[in-house]
Amino acid sequence: MSLQSLKNKTRKEVAARLRALDVAQVTAQSAATAAALARFPPFQSARSVGVYMHLPENELHTDAILDSCFRTGKTVFLPRIEQLHVFDEQPAFPGQKSCLHFLSVQSRAEADALPPRGKYQIREPDYAPDRSNDLLAGSDPLDLLLLPGVAFTATGRRLGHGAGFYDDFIKRYRAKHGTVPLLVGIGLPDQLVKDPSSLQLEPHDEPLDYVILGGSVFSAASSLPEI
């Protein structure tokens, strides 16, 4: 089986597990993930955090995480998908037409009031007039980036939906700032792939530093949960 076929097989298997969860289970598991993140020392010390607005179904709810960020005075950045031609950005792979930007928002109320955009109709922020709130244009660094995914391993491997937005963003951020934030995958326990060999990384895939699923925090350096 080719690597791409194996990835698609894993996506289908995990998607089936997530579809079997009811709303109460997703809500409870999302709360457990948010609580584990709140206890996570690198999150506690982070001054700036990249989060995401969750999809309506079959994905970890990030509302409690956003509340925790704003309550503890962190600068919050949310993603926006932008066409490459808008800022004359160069494609990183054949056929790429858009990339991810992270823009700061000032409050939960502002985040909730953002208009839905694009294919997934997710609320996305807009640019400041001078783009100073854009991590790919401004000078401020990001301490910690929370990444969604379809599946994760306890050793820091992440399988996305296949568009490559986050892997590409990390590379563009590295080119801009010379470093990358701490990379933390977050999700639901049913997104854990227990056999790392079934989720192989390709050269363009960015490995994570930590994975937080439900009440468990996994370090990329170990297959055992930290808490």
N, C-alpha and C. Protein backbone atom coordinates (compact mmCIF):
# COMPACT_ATOMS: atom_id res chain seq x y z
N MET A 1 0.85 -1.20 0.00
CA MET A 1 0.00 0.00 0.00
C MET A 1 0.88 1.25 0.00
N SER A 2 0.57 2.20 -0.89
CA SER A 2 1.36 3.42 -0.96
C SER A 2 1.15 4.26 0.29
N LEU A 3 2.08 5.20 0.53
CA LEU A 3 1.97 6.07 1.69
C LEU A 3 0.69 6.90 1.64
N GLN A 4 0.32 7.40 0.46
CA GLN A 4 -0.89 8.19 0.34
C GLN A 4 -2.13 7.34 0.60
N SER A 5 -2.11 6.10 0.12
CA SER A 5 -3.24 5.20 0.36
C SER A 5 -3.37 4.89 1.84
N LEU A 6 -2.23 4.73 2.51
CA LEU A 6 -2.25 4.45 3.95
C LEU A 6 -2.80 5.65 4.71
N LYS A 7 -2.42 6.85 4.30
CA LYS A 7 -2.95 8.06 4.96
C LYS A 7 -4.46 8.16 4.77
N ASN A 8 -4.92 7.90 3.56
CA ASN A 8 -6.36 7.97 3.30
C ASN A 8 -7.12 6.92 4.09
N LYS A 9 -6.54 5.74 4.23
CA LYS A 9 -7.17 4.68 5.02
C LYS A 9 -7.29 5.11 6.48
N THR A 10 -6.23 5.71 7.01
CA THR A 10 -6.26 6.18 8.39
C THR A 10 -7.29 7.28 8.56
N ARG A 11 -7.37 8.21 7.61
CA ARG A 11 -8.38 9.28 7.67
C ARG A 11 -9.79 8.69 7.76
N LYS A 12 -10.07 7.70 6.94
CA LYS A 12 -11.41 7.10 6.92
C LYS A 12 -11.70 6.39 8.24
N GLU A 13 -10.71 5.68 8.78
CA GLU A 13 -10.92 4.95 10.03
C GLU A 13 -11.19 5.89 11.19
N VAL A 14 -10.39 6.96 11.29
CA VAL A 14 -10.58 7.91 12.38
C VAL A 14 -11.88 8.68 12.20
N ALA A 15 -12.21 9.06 10.97
CA ALA A 15 -13.46 9.77 10.71
C ALA A 15 -14.66 8.93 11.13
N ALA A 16 -14.60 7.64 10.91
CA ALA A 16 -15.70 6.76 11.31
C ALA A 16 -15.84 6.72 12.83
N ARG A 17 -14.70 6.72 13.54
CA ARG A 17 -14.75 6.73 15.01
C ARG A 17 -15.35 8.04 15.51
N LEU A 18 -14.98 9.14 14.88
CA LEU A 18 -15.50 10.45 15.32
C LEU A 18 -16.99 10.59 15.02
N ARG A 19 -17.43 10.05 13.91
CA ARG A 19 -18.86 10.13 13.59
C ARG A 19 -19.71 9.35 14.59
N ALA A 20 -19.11 8.35 15.23
CA ALA A 20 -19.83 7.54 16.20
C ALA A 20 -20.00 8.25 17.54
N LEU A 21 -19.29 9.34 17.76
CA LEU A 21 -19.40 10.09 19.01
C LEU A 21 -20.63 10.98 18.99
N ASP A 22 -21.34 11.03 20.10
CA ASP A 22 -22.46 11.96 20.17
C ASP A 22 -21.99 13.31 20.69
N VAL A 23 -22.87 14.28 20.69
CA VAL A 23 -22.51 15.64 21.07
C VAL A 23 -21.99 15.69 22.50
N ALA A 24 -22.61 14.94 23.40
CA ALA A 24 -22.20 14.94 24.80
C ALA A 24 -20.78 14.41 24.96
N GLN A 25 -20.43 13.38 24.19
CA GLN A 25 -19.08 12.83 24.26
C GLN A 25 -18.04 13.81 23.73
N VAL A 26 -18.34 14.46 22.62
CA VAL A 26 -17.42 15.46 22.07
C VAL A 26 -17.25 16.62 23.05
N THR A 27 -18.34 17.05 23.65
CA THR A 27 -18.28 18.15 24.62
C THR A 27 -17.43 17.78 25.82
N ALA A 28 -17.63 16.58 26.36
CA ALA A 28 -16.87 16.14 27.53
C ALA A 28 -15.39 15.97 27.20
N GLN A 29 -15.09 15.37 26.05
CA GLN A 29 -13.69 15.17 25.67
C GLN A 29 -13.00 16.49 25.35
N SER A 30 -13.74 17.42 24.78
CA SER A 30 -13.18 18.75 24.50
C SER A 30 -12.85 19.45 25.81
N ALA A 31 -13.73 19.31 26.80
CA ALA A 31 -13.48 19.93 28.11
C ALA A 31 -12.24 19.32 28.77
N ALA A 32 -12.08 18.00 28.62
CA ALA A 32 -10.91 17.33 29.20
C ALA A 32 -9.62 17.80 28.53
N THR A 33 -9.66 17.98 27.21
CA THR A 33 -8.48 18.48 26.50
C THR A 33 -8.14 19.90 26.94
N ALA A 34 -9.16 20.75 27.06
CA ALA A 34 -8.95 22.13 27.49
C ALA A 34 -8.37 22.17 28.90
N ALA A 35 -8.85 21.30 29.78
CA ALA A 35 -8.34 21.26 31.16
C ALA A 35 -6.90 20.80 31.20
N ALA A 36 -6.56 19.78 30.39
CA ALA A 36 -5.18 19.30 30.34
C ALA A 36 -4.25 20.37 29.79
N LEU A 37 -4.72 21.11 28.79
CA LEU A 37 -3.92 22.19 28.22
C LEU A 37 -3.71 23.29 29.25
N ALA A 38 -4.72 23.61 30.03
CA ALA A 38 -4.61 24.66 31.05
C ALA A 38 -3.58 24.29 32.11
N ARG A 39 -3.37 22.99 32.34
CA ARG A 39 -2.37 22.53 33.32
C ARG A 39 -0.97 22.39 32.72
N PHE A 40 -0.87 22.53 31.42
CA PHE A 40 0.36 22.27 30.67
C PHE A 40 1.32 23.44 30.86
N PRO A 41 2.47 23.24 31.50
CA PRO A 41 3.37 24.37 31.81
C PRO A 41 3.74 25.24 30.62
N PRO A 42 4.08 24.70 29.43
CA PRO A 42 4.39 25.59 28.31
C PRO A 42 3.22 26.47 27.90
N PHE A 43 2.00 25.98 28.06
CA PHE A 43 0.83 26.82 27.77
C PHE A 43 0.69 27.90 28.83
N GLN A 44 0.90 27.53 30.08
CA GLN A 44 0.76 28.51 31.17
C GLN A 44 1.75 29.66 31.00
N SER A 45 2.96 29.36 30.53
CA SER A 45 3.99 30.39 30.40
C SER A 45 3.94 31.13 29.07
N ALA A 46 3.20 30.62 28.11
CA ALA A 46 3.14 31.25 26.79
C ALA A 46 2.45 32.60 26.86
N ARG A 47 3.02 33.58 26.22
CA ARG A 47 2.40 34.90 26.15
C ARG A 47 1.53 35.06 24.90
N SER A 48 1.82 34.28 23.87
CA SER A 48 1.04 34.34 22.63
C SER A 48 0.78 32.92 22.15
N VAL A 49 -0.44 32.68 21.68
CA VAL A 49 -0.87 31.34 21.30
C VAL A 49 -1.68 31.41 20.00
N GLY A 50 -1.36 30.51 19.09
CA GLY A 50 -2.17 30.35 17.89
C GLY A 50 -3.20 29.26 18.14
N VAL A 51 -4.47 29.58 17.97
CA VAL A 51 -5.56 28.64 18.19
C VAL A 51 -6.31 28.50 16.87
N TYR A 52 -7.39 27.77 16.84
CA TYR A 52 -8.21 27.69 15.64
C TYR A 52 -9.67 27.63 16.02
N MET A 53 -10.53 28.06 15.13
CA MET A 53 -11.97 27.97 15.31
C MET A 53 -12.41 26.61 14.78
N HIS A 54 -13.05 25.82 15.61
CA HIS A 54 -13.33 24.44 15.24
C HIS A 54 -14.45 24.32 14.20
N LEU A 55 -14.41 23.20 13.49
CA LEU A 55 -15.48 22.86 12.55
C LEU A 55 -16.75 22.53 13.33
N PRO A 56 -17.91 22.64 12.70
CA PRO A 56 -19.16 22.40 13.42
C PRO A 56 -19.32 20.98 13.94
N GLU A 57 -18.75 19.99 13.24
CA GLU A 57 -18.96 18.60 13.62
C GLU A 57 -17.65 17.83 13.62
N ASN A 58 -17.60 16.79 14.47
CA ASN A 58 -16.52 15.80 14.48
C ASN A 58 -15.13 16.41 14.69
N GLU A 59 -15.06 17.43 15.53
CA GLU A 59 -13.77 18.04 15.84
C GLU A 59 -13.81 18.60 17.26
N LEU A 60 -12.66 18.59 17.90
CA LEU A 60 -12.52 19.18 19.22
C LEU A 60 -13.07 20.60 19.24
N HIS A 61 -13.88 20.93 20.23
CA HIS A 61 -14.38 22.29 20.39
C HIS A 61 -13.32 23.14 21.08
N THR A 62 -13.01 24.29 20.52
CA THR A 62 -11.94 25.13 21.06
C THR A 62 -12.44 26.31 21.88
N ASP A 63 -13.75 26.38 22.14
CA ASP A 63 -14.29 27.53 22.88
C ASP A 63 -13.63 27.70 24.24
N ALA A 64 -13.52 26.61 25.00
CA ALA A 64 -12.94 26.69 26.35
C ALA A 64 -11.47 27.07 26.29
N ILE A 65 -10.79 26.64 25.25
CA ILE A 65 -9.37 26.99 25.09
C ILE A 65 -9.23 28.49 24.81
N LEU A 66 -10.09 29.01 23.95
CA LEU A 66 -10.07 30.45 23.69
C LEU A 66 -10.34 31.23 24.97
N ASP A 67 -11.33 30.78 25.75
CA ASP A 67 -11.64 31.45 27.01
C ASP A 67 -10.43 31.44 27.94
N SER A 68 -9.74 30.31 28.02
CA SER A 68 -8.57 30.19 28.88
C SER A 68 -7.47 31.14 28.44
N CYS A 69 -7.28 31.25 27.13
CA CYS A 69 -6.25 32.16 26.61
C CYS A 69 -6.55 33.61 26.98
N PHE A 70 -7.76 34.05 26.72
CA PHE A 70 -8.12 35.44 27.00
C PHE A 70 -8.15 35.71 28.51
N ARG A 71 -8.61 34.74 29.28
CA ARG A 71 -8.69 34.93 30.74
C ARG A 71 -7.31 35.10 31.36
N THR A 72 -6.31 34.46 30.78
CA THR A 72 -4.95 34.54 31.34
C THR A 72 -4.09 35.58 30.62
N GLY A 73 -4.72 36.43 29.81
CA GLY A 73 -4.02 37.57 29.22
C GLY A 73 -3.09 37.25 28.06
N LYS A 74 -3.30 36.14 27.39
CA LYS A 74 -2.45 35.79 26.25
C LYS A 74 -2.91 36.54 24.99
N THR A 75 -1.97 36.81 24.12
CA THR A 75 -2.32 37.31 22.79
C THR A 75 -2.73 36.12 21.94
N VAL A 76 -3.91 36.20 21.35
CA VAL A 76 -4.47 35.09 20.59
C VAL A 76 -4.42 35.38 19.10
N PHE A 77 -3.94 34.40 18.35
CA PHE A 77 -3.91 34.49 16.89
C PHE A 77 -4.80 33.40 16.31
N LEU A 78 -5.63 33.76 15.34
CA LEU A 78 -6.53 32.83 14.68
C LEU A 78 -6.19 32.73 13.19
N PRO A 79 -6.45 31.59 12.58
CA PRO A 79 -6.05 31.40 11.18
C PRO A 79 -7.00 32.02 10.18
N ARG A 80 -6.44 32.39 9.05
CA ARG A 80 -7.20 32.90 7.91
C ARG A 80 -6.57 32.30 6.65
N ILE A 81 -7.37 31.69 5.82
CA ILE A 81 -6.88 31.17 4.54
C ILE A 81 -6.90 32.30 3.53
N GLU A 82 -5.75 32.54 2.89
CA GLU A 82 -5.63 33.67 1.95
C GLU A 82 -5.05 33.19 0.62
N GLN A 83 -5.60 33.71 -0.45
CA GLN A 83 -5.06 33.42 -1.78
C GLN A 83 -3.64 33.97 -1.90
N LEU A 84 -2.76 33.20 -2.52
CA LEU A 84 -1.35 33.61 -2.62
C LEU A 84 -1.20 34.94 -3.35
N HIS A 85 -2.04 35.19 -4.34
CA HIS A 85 -1.84 36.39 -5.16
C HIS A 85 -2.13 37.68 -4.38
N VAL A 86 -2.87 37.60 -3.27
CA VAL A 86 -3.24 38.80 -2.51
C VAL A 86 -1.99 39.54 -2.03
N PHE A 87 -1.00 38.79 -1.55
CA PHE A 87 0.25 39.41 -1.07
C PHE A 87 1.45 38.98 -1.91
N ASP A 88 1.17 38.53 -3.12
CA ASP A 88 2.23 38.12 -4.05
C ASP A 88 3.15 37.09 -3.41
N GLU A 89 2.55 36.10 -2.75
CA GLU A 89 3.32 35.03 -2.12
C GLU A 89 3.56 33.90 -3.12
N GLN A 90 4.68 33.21 -2.95
CA GLN A 90 5.07 32.17 -3.89
C GLN A 90 4.56 30.80 -3.44
N PRO A 91 4.13 29.97 -4.37
CA PRO A 91 3.69 28.62 -4.00
C PRO A 91 4.86 27.78 -3.52
N ALA A 92 4.61 26.92 -2.56
CA ALA A 92 5.65 26.04 -2.03
C ALA A 92 5.58 24.65 -2.65
N PHE A 93 4.47 24.34 -3.31
CA PHE A 93 4.32 23.04 -3.96
C PHE A 93 3.39 23.21 -5.16
N PRO A 94 3.47 22.32 -6.14
CA PRO A 94 2.67 22.45 -7.37
C PRO A 94 1.18 22.54 -7.07
N GLY A 95 0.53 23.50 -7.71
CA GLY A 95 -0.91 23.64 -7.58
C GLY A 95 -1.37 24.45 -6.39
N GLN A 96 -0.44 24.89 -5.54
CA GLN A 96 -0.85 25.66 -4.36
C GLN A 96 -1.37 27.03 -4.78
N LYS A 97 -2.57 27.38 -4.29
CA LYS A 97 -3.18 28.66 -4.62
C LYS A 97 -3.46 29.53 -3.40
N SER A 98 -3.38 28.94 -2.20
CA SER A 98 -3.67 29.71 -0.99
C SER A 98 -2.77 29.21 0.14
N CYS A 99 -2.67 30.02 1.19
CA CYS A 99 -1.87 29.62 2.34
C CYS A 99 -2.53 30.17 3.60
N LEU A 100 -1.98 29.78 4.73
CA LEU A 100 -2.55 30.14 6.02
C LEU A 100 -1.81 31.33 6.61
N HIS A 101 -2.56 32.29 7.14
CA HIS A 101 -2.02 33.39 7.92
C HIS A 101 -2.65 33.32 9.31
N PHE A 102 -1.92 33.80 10.33
CA PHE A 102 -2.49 33.87 11.67
C PHE A 102 -2.53 35.33 12.09
N LEU A 103 -3.73 35.80 12.44
CA LEU A 103 -3.95 37.21 12.77
C LEU A 103 -4.46 37.32 14.20
N SER A 104 -4.00 38.33 14.91
CA SER A 104 -4.39 38.49 16.31
C SER A 104 -5.80 39.02 16.44
N VAL A 105 -6.48 38.57 17.49
CA VAL A 105 -7.79 39.10 17.89
C VAL A 105 -7.70 39.47 19.36
N GLN A 106 -8.54 40.40 19.79
CA GLN A 106 -8.37 40.99 21.11
C GLN A 106 -9.27 40.42 22.19
N SER A 107 -10.34 39.70 21.82
CA SER A 107 -11.27 39.22 22.83
C SER A 107 -12.09 38.07 22.27
N ARG A 108 -12.74 37.34 23.18
CA ARG A 108 -13.63 36.26 22.75
C ARG A 108 -14.82 36.84 21.98
N ALA A 109 -15.30 37.99 22.42
CA ALA A 109 -16.42 38.62 21.71
C ALA A 109 -16.04 38.95 20.27
N GLU A 110 -14.82 39.44 20.08
CA GLU A 110 -14.36 39.74 18.72
C GLU A 110 -14.27 38.45 17.90
N ALA A 111 -13.76 37.38 18.50
CA ALA A 111 -13.66 36.11 17.80
C ALA A 111 -15.03 35.59 17.39
N ASP A 112 -15.99 35.69 18.30
CA ASP A 112 -17.34 35.19 18.01
C ASP A 112 -18.04 36.01 16.94
N ALA A 113 -17.66 37.28 16.80
CA ALA A 113 -18.32 38.16 15.84
C ALA A 113 -17.69 38.10 14.45
N LEU A 114 -16.62 37.33 14.28
CA LEU A 114 -15.96 37.26 12.98
C LEU A 114 -16.89 36.61 11.96
N PRO A 115 -16.88 37.09 10.72
CA PRO A 115 -17.74 36.50 9.69
C PRO A 115 -17.15 35.19 9.16
N PRO A 116 -18.01 34.21 8.86
CA PRO A 116 -17.53 32.97 8.24
C PRO A 116 -17.00 33.24 6.83
N ARG A 117 -15.96 32.49 6.46
CA ARG A 117 -15.36 32.66 5.13
C ARG A 117 -15.02 31.31 4.53
N GLY A 118 -14.94 31.28 3.22
CA GLY A 118 -14.35 30.16 2.51
C GLY A 118 -15.16 28.87 2.48
N LYS A 119 -14.49 27.84 2.00
CA LYS A 119 -15.10 26.53 1.80
C LYS A 119 -15.69 25.96 3.08
N TYR A 120 -14.99 26.13 4.20
CA TYR A 120 -15.43 25.52 5.45
C TYR A 120 -16.32 26.42 6.29
N GLN A 121 -16.53 27.68 5.84
CA GLN A 121 -17.38 28.63 6.55
C GLN A 121 -16.99 28.75 8.03
N ILE A 122 -15.70 28.89 8.26
CA ILE A 122 -15.17 29.09 9.61
C ILE A 122 -14.93 30.59 9.81
N ARG A 123 -15.19 31.07 11.01
CA ARG A 123 -14.96 32.49 11.30
C ARG A 123 -13.47 32.80 11.23
N GLU A 124 -13.12 33.82 10.44
CA GLU A 124 -11.72 34.17 10.23
C GLU A 124 -11.51 35.66 10.46
N PRO A 125 -10.38 36.04 11.07
CA PRO A 125 -10.09 37.46 11.34
C PRO A 125 -9.66 38.19 10.08
N ASP A 126 -9.58 39.51 10.19
CA ASP A 126 -9.13 40.34 9.08
C ASP A 126 -7.85 41.06 9.48
N TYR A 127 -7.18 41.62 8.49
CA TYR A 127 -5.89 42.27 8.71
C TYR A 127 -6.05 43.68 9.26
N ALA A 128 -5.11 44.06 10.12
CA ALA A 128 -4.99 45.47 10.48
C ALA A 128 -4.54 46.24 9.23
N PRO A 129 -4.79 47.54 9.18
CA PRO A 129 -4.41 48.31 7.98
C PRO A 129 -2.94 48.15 7.59
N ASP A 130 -2.06 48.00 8.59
CA ASP A 130 -0.64 47.84 8.28
C ASP A 130 -0.18 46.39 8.37
N ARG A 131 -1.12 45.45 8.54
CA ARG A 131 -0.84 44.01 8.67
C ARG A 131 0.04 43.69 9.88
N SER A 132 0.08 44.59 10.85
CA SER A 132 0.92 44.35 12.03
C SER A 132 0.40 43.19 12.87
N ASN A 133 -0.87 42.80 12.67
CA ASN A 133 -1.43 41.67 13.43
C ASN A 133 -1.22 40.33 12.74
N ASP A 134 -0.48 40.33 11.64
CA ASP A 134 -0.24 39.13 10.84
C ASP A 134 1.15 38.58 11.18
N LEU A 135 1.19 37.32 11.65
CA LEU A 135 2.47 36.73 12.04
C LEU A 135 3.45 36.61 10.87
N LEU A 136 2.95 36.56 9.66
CA LEU A 136 3.84 36.46 8.50
C LEU A 136 4.26 37.82 7.97
N ALA A 137 3.79 38.90 8.61
CA ALA A 137 4.17 40.24 8.17
C ALA A 137 4.74 41.07 9.31
N GLY A 138 4.22 40.90 10.52
CA GLY A 138 4.69 41.67 11.67
C GLY A 138 5.97 41.11 12.24
N SER A 139 6.43 41.74 13.30
CA SER A 139 7.71 41.34 13.91
C SER A 139 7.54 40.50 15.17
N ASP A 140 6.32 40.43 15.71
CA ASP A 140 6.12 39.70 16.95
C ASP A 140 6.14 38.20 16.72
N PRO A 141 6.85 37.46 17.58
CA PRO A 141 6.90 36.00 17.45
C PRO A 141 5.70 35.35 18.12
N LEU A 142 5.55 34.06 17.88
CA LEU A 142 4.49 33.25 18.49
C LEU A 142 5.13 32.24 19.42
N ASP A 143 4.61 32.13 20.64
CA ASP A 143 5.21 31.19 21.60
C ASP A 143 4.74 29.76 21.39
N LEU A 144 3.45 29.58 21.10
CA LEU A 144 2.89 28.23 21.05
C LEU A 144 1.80 28.18 19.99
N LEU A 145 1.82 27.14 19.17
CA LEU A 145 0.81 26.95 18.13
C LEU A 145 0.06 25.65 18.37
N LEU A 146 -1.27 25.76 18.48
CA LEU A 146 -2.13 24.59 18.65
C LEU A 146 -2.63 24.16 17.28
N LEU A 147 -2.38 22.90 16.94
CA LEU A 147 -2.71 22.41 15.61
C LEU A 147 -3.84 21.39 15.66
N PRO A 148 -4.83 21.53 14.76
CA PRO A 148 -5.84 20.49 14.62
C PRO A 148 -5.28 19.35 13.77
N GLY A 149 -6.03 18.31 13.62
CA GLY A 149 -5.61 17.20 12.78
C GLY A 149 -6.71 16.16 12.69
N VAL A 150 -6.53 15.24 11.77
CA VAL A 150 -7.44 14.10 11.68
C VAL A 150 -7.00 13.02 12.66
N ALA A 151 -5.68 12.78 12.71
CA ALA A 151 -5.14 11.72 13.57
C ALA A 151 -3.77 12.15 14.09
N PHE A 152 -3.40 11.58 15.24
CA PHE A 152 -2.12 11.87 15.87
C PHE A 152 -1.54 10.57 16.42
N THR A 153 -0.21 10.55 16.58
CA THR A 153 0.42 9.48 17.34
C THR A 153 0.98 10.09 18.63
N ALA A 154 1.27 9.23 19.59
CA ALA A 154 1.84 9.70 20.86
C ALA A 154 3.26 10.20 20.69
N THR A 155 3.86 9.94 19.54
CA THR A 155 5.24 10.36 19.28
C THR A 155 5.32 11.63 18.45
N GLY A 156 4.19 12.34 18.30
CA GLY A 156 4.24 13.65 17.66
C GLY A 156 3.99 13.67 16.17
N ARG A 157 3.47 12.58 15.63
CA ARG A 157 3.11 12.59 14.22
C ARG A 157 1.66 13.07 14.08
N ARG A 158 1.43 13.84 13.05
CA ARG A 158 0.10 14.42 12.81
C ARG A 158 -0.34 14.17 11.38
N LEU A 159 -1.59 13.77 11.23
CA LEU A 159 -2.19 13.60 9.91
C LEU A 159 -3.30 14.62 9.75
N GLY A 160 -3.15 15.53 8.78
CA GLY A 160 -4.16 16.54 8.54
C GLY A 160 -5.15 16.09 7.49
N HIS A 161 -5.91 17.04 6.97
CA HIS A 161 -6.92 16.73 5.96
C HIS A 161 -6.32 16.60 4.57
N GLY A 162 -5.06 16.96 4.41
CA GLY A 162 -4.39 16.78 3.13
C GLY A 162 -4.10 18.05 2.36
N ALA A 163 -4.59 19.19 2.86
CA ALA A 163 -4.37 20.45 2.14
C ALA A 163 -2.97 21.02 2.40
N GLY A 164 -2.35 20.64 3.50
CA GLY A 164 -0.99 21.10 3.79
C GLY A 164 -0.89 22.49 4.37
N PHE A 165 -2.01 23.08 4.83
CA PHE A 165 -1.99 24.46 5.29
C PHE A 165 -1.04 24.67 6.47
N TYR A 166 -1.11 23.81 7.48
CA TYR A 166 -0.31 24.03 8.68
C TYR A 166 1.16 23.75 8.45
N ASP A 167 1.49 22.67 7.74
CA ASP A 167 2.89 22.40 7.43
C ASP A 167 3.50 23.55 6.64
N ASP A 168 2.74 24.09 5.69
CA ASP A 168 3.22 25.21 4.89
C ASP A 168 3.38 26.46 5.74
N PHE A 169 2.40 26.73 6.64
CA PHE A 169 2.51 27.90 7.50
C PHE A 169 3.77 27.84 8.36
N ILE A 170 4.04 26.68 8.93
CA ILE A 170 5.22 26.53 9.80
C ILE A 170 6.49 26.84 9.02
N LYS A 171 6.57 26.40 7.79
CA LYS A 171 7.75 26.68 6.96
C LYS A 171 7.85 28.17 6.64
N ARG A 172 6.74 28.81 6.35
CA ARG A 172 6.76 30.25 6.06
C ARG A 172 7.10 31.05 7.32
N TYR A 173 6.59 30.59 8.45
CA TYR A 173 6.92 31.25 9.72
C TYR A 173 8.42 31.11 10.00
N ARG A 174 8.97 29.93 9.78
CA ARG A 174 10.40 29.70 10.01
C ARG A 174 11.25 30.60 9.11
N ALA A 175 10.83 30.75 7.87
CA ALA A 175 11.56 31.62 6.95
C ALA A 175 11.51 33.08 7.39
N LYS A 176 10.39 33.49 7.99
CA LYS A 176 10.21 34.87 8.44
C LYS A 176 10.95 35.14 9.74
N HIS A 177 10.83 34.24 10.74
CA HIS A 177 11.33 34.50 12.08
C HIS A 177 12.60 33.73 12.44
N GLY A 178 12.99 32.76 11.62
CA GLY A 178 14.20 32.01 11.90
C GLY A 178 14.03 30.92 12.95
N THR A 179 12.82 30.71 13.41
CA THR A 179 12.53 29.68 14.41
C THR A 179 11.06 29.31 14.28
N VAL A 180 10.59 28.38 15.10
CA VAL A 180 9.18 28.03 15.08
C VAL A 180 8.67 28.02 16.52
N PRO A 181 7.37 28.25 16.72
CA PRO A 181 6.80 28.15 18.07
C PRO A 181 6.76 26.69 18.51
N LEU A 182 6.46 26.47 19.77
CA LEU A 182 6.22 25.12 20.25
C LEU A 182 4.97 24.60 19.55
N LEU A 183 5.07 23.41 18.97
CA LEU A 183 3.98 22.85 18.18
C LEU A 183 3.24 21.79 18.98
N VAL A 184 1.96 22.04 19.23
CA VAL A 184 1.16 21.15 20.08
C VAL A 184 -0.10 20.74 19.33
N GLY A 185 -0.23 19.47 19.03
CA GLY A 185 -1.44 18.96 18.42
C GLY A 185 -2.50 18.72 19.48
N ILE A 186 -3.74 19.12 19.20
CA ILE A 186 -4.82 18.91 20.16
C ILE A 186 -5.99 18.22 19.46
N GLY A 187 -6.70 17.39 20.21
CA GLY A 187 -7.83 16.68 19.62
C GLY A 187 -8.56 15.85 20.64
N LEU A 188 -9.31 14.87 20.13
CA LEU A 188 -10.10 13.96 20.95
C LEU A 188 -9.37 12.63 21.08
N PRO A 189 -9.58 11.89 22.16
CA PRO A 189 -8.87 10.62 22.35
C PRO A 189 -9.04 9.64 21.19
N ASP A 190 -10.20 9.67 20.52
CA ASP A 190 -10.42 8.75 19.40
C ASP A 190 -9.55 9.07 18.19
N GLN A 191 -8.84 10.18 18.22
CA GLN A 191 -7.95 10.53 17.12
C GLN A 191 -6.54 9.97 17.31
N LEU A 192 -6.31 9.26 18.39
CA LEU A 192 -4.99 8.68 18.65
C LEU A 192 -4.81 7.42 17.81
N VAL A 193 -3.72 7.38 17.03
CA VAL A 193 -3.32 6.19 16.28
C VAL A 193 -2.24 5.50 17.11
N LYS A 194 -2.53 4.30 17.58
CA LYS A 194 -1.64 3.66 18.56
C LYS A 194 -0.40 3.04 17.93
N ASP A 195 -0.47 2.72 16.64
CA ASP A 195 0.69 2.13 15.96
C ASP A 195 1.36 3.22 15.12
N PRO A 196 2.47 3.80 15.59
CA PRO A 196 3.12 4.89 14.84
C PRO A 196 3.51 4.50 13.42
N SER A 197 3.77 3.20 13.18
CA SER A 197 4.19 2.77 11.85
C SER A 197 3.07 2.94 10.82
N SER A 198 1.83 3.08 11.29
CA SER A 198 0.72 3.25 10.36
C SER A 198 0.53 4.70 9.96
N LEU A 199 1.31 5.60 10.54
CA LEU A 199 1.22 7.02 10.20
C LEU A 199 2.64 7.54 9.96
N GLN A 200 3.10 7.33 8.75
CA GLN A 200 4.45 7.73 8.38
C GLN A 200 4.50 9.18 7.94
N LEU A 201 5.55 9.89 8.32
CA LEU A 201 5.73 11.27 7.90
C LEU A 201 6.41 11.34 6.55
N GLU A 202 5.97 12.29 5.73
CA GLU A 202 6.66 12.60 4.48
C GLU A 202 7.62 13.75 4.75
N PRO A 203 8.57 13.99 3.83
CA PRO A 203 9.57 15.03 4.07
C PRO A 203 8.98 16.41 4.38
N HIS A 204 7.82 16.73 3.83
CA HIS A 204 7.22 18.05 4.06
C HIS A 204 6.43 18.12 5.35
N ASP A 205 6.18 16.99 6.01
CA ASP A 205 5.38 16.98 7.23
C ASP A 205 6.19 17.49 8.42
N GLU A 206 5.60 18.39 9.19
CA GLU A 206 6.27 18.96 10.36
C GLU A 206 5.90 18.15 11.61
N PRO A 207 6.88 17.59 12.31
CA PRO A 207 6.59 16.84 13.54
C PRO A 207 6.20 17.78 14.68
N LEU A 208 5.38 17.27 15.59
CA LEU A 208 4.92 18.05 16.73
C LEU A 208 5.83 17.84 17.93
N ASP A 209 5.80 18.80 18.84
CA ASP A 209 6.53 18.66 20.10
C ASP A 209 5.71 17.91 21.14
N TYR A 210 4.40 18.16 21.14
CA TYR A 210 3.49 17.51 22.09
C TYR A 210 2.16 17.25 21.41
N VAL A 211 1.42 16.30 21.98
CA VAL A 211 0.05 16.02 21.55
C VAL A 211 -0.81 15.93 22.81
N ILE A 212 -1.95 16.63 22.81
CA ILE A 212 -2.87 16.61 23.95
C ILE A 212 -4.22 16.12 23.44
N LEU A 213 -4.64 14.97 23.95
CA LEU A 213 -5.90 14.35 23.55
C LEU A 213 -6.67 13.98 24.81
N GLY A 214 -7.81 14.62 25.01
CA GLY A 214 -8.55 14.38 26.25
C GLY A 214 -7.69 14.78 27.43
N GLY A 215 -7.58 13.92 28.43
CA GLY A 215 -6.80 14.24 29.61
C GLY A 215 -5.34 13.85 29.53
N SER A 216 -4.86 13.40 28.39
CA SER A 216 -3.49 12.92 28.26
C SER A 216 -2.62 13.88 27.47
N VAL A 217 -1.41 14.11 27.97
CA VAL A 217 -0.41 14.92 27.28
C VAL A 217 0.74 14.00 26.90
N PHE A 218 1.01 13.91 25.60
CA PHE A 218 2.08 13.06 25.09
C PHE A 218 3.24 13.92 24.60
N SER A 219 4.45 13.52 24.96
CA SER A 219 5.64 14.19 24.47
C SER A 219 6.16 13.44 23.25
N ALA A 220 6.65 14.19 22.26
CA ALA A 220 7.21 13.55 21.07
C ALA A 220 8.42 12.70 21.41
N ALA A 221 9.04 12.95 22.54
CA ALA A 221 10.22 12.20 22.93
C ALA A 221 9.86 10.87 23.59
N SER A 222 8.58 10.64 23.83
CA SER A 222 8.17 9.43 24.53
C SER A 222 6.79 9.01 24.06
N SER A 223 6.53 7.71 24.07
CA SER A 223 5.21 7.20 23.71
C SER A 223 4.29 7.12 24.90
N LEU A 224 4.76 7.54 26.07
CA LEU A 224 3.95 7.46 27.29
C LEU A 224 3.37 8.81 27.62
N PRO A 225 2.12 8.86 28.10
CA PRO A 225 1.53 10.15 28.47
C PRO A 225 2.25 10.76 29.67
N GLU A 226 2.38 12.10 29.65
CA GLU A 226 3.01 12.79 30.77
C GLU A 226 2.06 12.94 31.94
N ILE A 227 0.77 13.15 31.65
CA ILE A 227 -0.22 13.25 32.73
C ILE A 227 -1.47 12.51 32.29
